[in-house]
Amino acid sequence: MSNLKSDTDIERYAEIFKALSNPHRLKIFLRLVSCCAPGTIWTVEAPESRSVGDLAGDLNIVASTVSHHIKELRQAGLIKMQRAGQKIECWVDPEIIKELEGFFKV
């Protein structure tokens, strides 16, 4: 393997893949990737968006669990978040998409 990653890189990717290994988190991440281009802020007012409650219904889990999964995705560096009043805006970090593409290139 000519494109060896450093131990730090391996640890980082392990955290990313650990976060994505949960089916609910993977579905949330894919939802955010599919609804808009990475880096586009996802708001609950956008026509293609879903509230945490909607995502909970789609995933058949409670909203507090969806919030936990979103937090885990953020901690893994997969999404960015910001509070806008009572609403939470989140979006896929475009840099993480580039990093993942680079990881899989041989």
Protein backbone atom coordinates (compact mmCIF):
# COMPACT_ATOMS: atom_id res chain seq x y z
CA MET A 1 0.00 0.00 0.00
CA SER A 2 1.83 3.07 -1.20
CA ASN A 3 -0.67 5.57 0.24
CA LEU A 4 -0.22 4.72 3.93
CA LYS A 5 -2.00 6.95 6.40
CA SER A 6 -0.44 8.21 9.62
CA ASP A 7 -1.63 6.84 12.96
CA THR A 8 -3.42 10.15 13.54
CA ASP A 9 -5.24 9.80 10.21
CA ILE A 10 -6.19 6.21 11.00
CA GLU A 11 -7.64 7.26 14.38
CA ARG A 12 -9.61 10.07 12.74
CA TYR A 13 -11.05 7.80 10.05
CA ALA A 14 -11.87 5.17 12.66
CA GLU A 15 -13.96 7.77 14.54
CA ILE A 16 -15.70 8.81 11.32
CA PHE A 17 -16.52 5.23 10.37
CA LYS A 18 -17.57 4.43 13.93
CA ALA A 19 -20.10 7.29 13.76
CA LEU A 20 -21.36 6.10 10.38
CA SER A 21 -21.55 2.46 11.50
CA ASN A 22 -24.81 3.16 13.29
CA PRO A 23 -27.66 2.69 10.79
CA HIS A 24 -29.63 5.67 12.12
CA ARG A 25 -26.64 8.01 11.94
CA LEU A 26 -25.83 6.76 8.46
CA LYS A 27 -29.41 7.46 7.35
CA ILE A 28 -29.28 10.97 8.84
CA PHE A 29 -25.93 11.66 7.18
CA LEU A 30 -27.19 10.37 3.82
CA ARG A 31 -30.32 12.49 4.21
CA LEU A 32 -28.19 15.59 4.73
CA VAL A 33 -25.91 14.70 1.81
CA SER A 34 -28.84 14.00 -0.53
CA CYS A 35 -30.96 17.05 0.34
CA CYS A 36 -28.35 19.60 -0.58
CA ALA A 37 -24.79 20.01 -1.75
CA PRO A 38 -22.21 19.64 1.03
CA GLY A 39 -21.78 22.97 2.74
CA THR A 40 -25.37 24.09 2.12
CA ILE A 41 -26.99 24.92 5.43
CA TRP A 42 -29.98 22.69 6.14
CA THR A 43 -32.80 24.56 7.84
CA VAL A 44 -36.19 23.35 8.92
CA GLU A 45 -37.81 25.98 6.67
CA ALA A 46 -36.21 24.60 3.49
CA PRO A 47 -38.72 22.61 1.40
CA GLU A 48 -36.49 19.55 1.20
CA SER A 49 -35.63 19.52 4.90
CA ARG A 50 -37.10 17.63 7.78
CA SER A 51 -37.34 18.58 11.43
CA VAL A 52 -35.83 16.38 14.12
CA GLY A 53 -39.37 15.17 14.78
CA ASP A 54 -39.84 14.27 11.11
CA LEU A 55 -36.52 12.41 11.05
CA ALA A 56 -37.56 10.60 14.21
CA GLY A 57 -40.77 9.47 12.53
CA ASP A 58 -38.90 8.39 9.40
CA LEU A 59 -36.42 6.39 11.49
CA ASN A 60 -39.08 5.15 13.94
CA ILE A 61 -37.14 6.49 16.94
CA VAL A 62 -37.79 9.32 19.40
CA ALA A 63 -36.65 12.87 18.63
CA SER A 64 -34.21 12.93 21.55
CA THR A 65 -32.41 9.94 20.03
CA VAL A 66 -32.20 11.72 16.66
CA SER A 67 -30.69 14.71 18.46
CA HIS A 68 -28.13 12.39 20.06
CA HIS A 69 -27.23 10.92 16.65
CA ILE A 70 -26.85 14.40 15.15
CA LYS A 71 -24.54 15.30 18.04
CA GLU A 72 -22.45 12.17 17.37
CA LEU A 73 -22.16 13.07 13.68
CA ARG A 74 -21.01 16.54 14.65
CA GLN A 75 -18.44 15.22 17.11
CA ALA A 76 -17.04 12.95 14.40
CA GLY A 77 -16.63 16.01 12.16
CA LEU A 78 -19.18 14.84 9.60
CA ILE A 79 -21.63 17.69 9.99
CA LYS A 80 -21.60 21.26 11.23
CA MET A 81 -24.33 22.71 13.42
CA GLN A 82 -25.50 26.07 14.67
CA ARG A 83 -28.46 27.14 16.70
CA ALA A 84 -30.83 29.69 15.17
CA GLY A 85 -33.22 30.56 17.98
CA GLN A 86 -35.05 27.38 18.90
CA LYS A 87 -34.05 25.69 15.67
CA ILE A 88 -30.88 23.83 14.87
CA GLU A 89 -29.31 24.23 11.46
CA CYS A 90 -26.97 21.53 10.27
CA TRP A 91 -25.04 20.76 7.13
CA VAL A 92 -22.46 18.37 5.79
CA ASP A 93 -18.95 19.76 6.01
CA PRO A 94 -17.67 19.87 2.41
CA GLU A 95 -14.15 19.16 3.65
CA ILE A 96 -15.21 15.80 5.10
CA ILE A 97 -16.51 14.71 1.70
CA LYS A 98 -13.12 15.56 0.19
CA GLU A 99 -11.35 13.70 3.02
CA LEU A 100 -13.47 10.60 2.50
CA GLU A 101 -12.88 10.71 -1.26
CA GLY A 102 -9.16 10.95 -0.58
CA PHE A 103 -9.29 8.05 1.85
CA PHE A 104 -10.79 5.74 -0.73
CA LYS A 105 -8.46 6.75 -3.54
CA VAL A 106 -5.66 4.28 -3.93
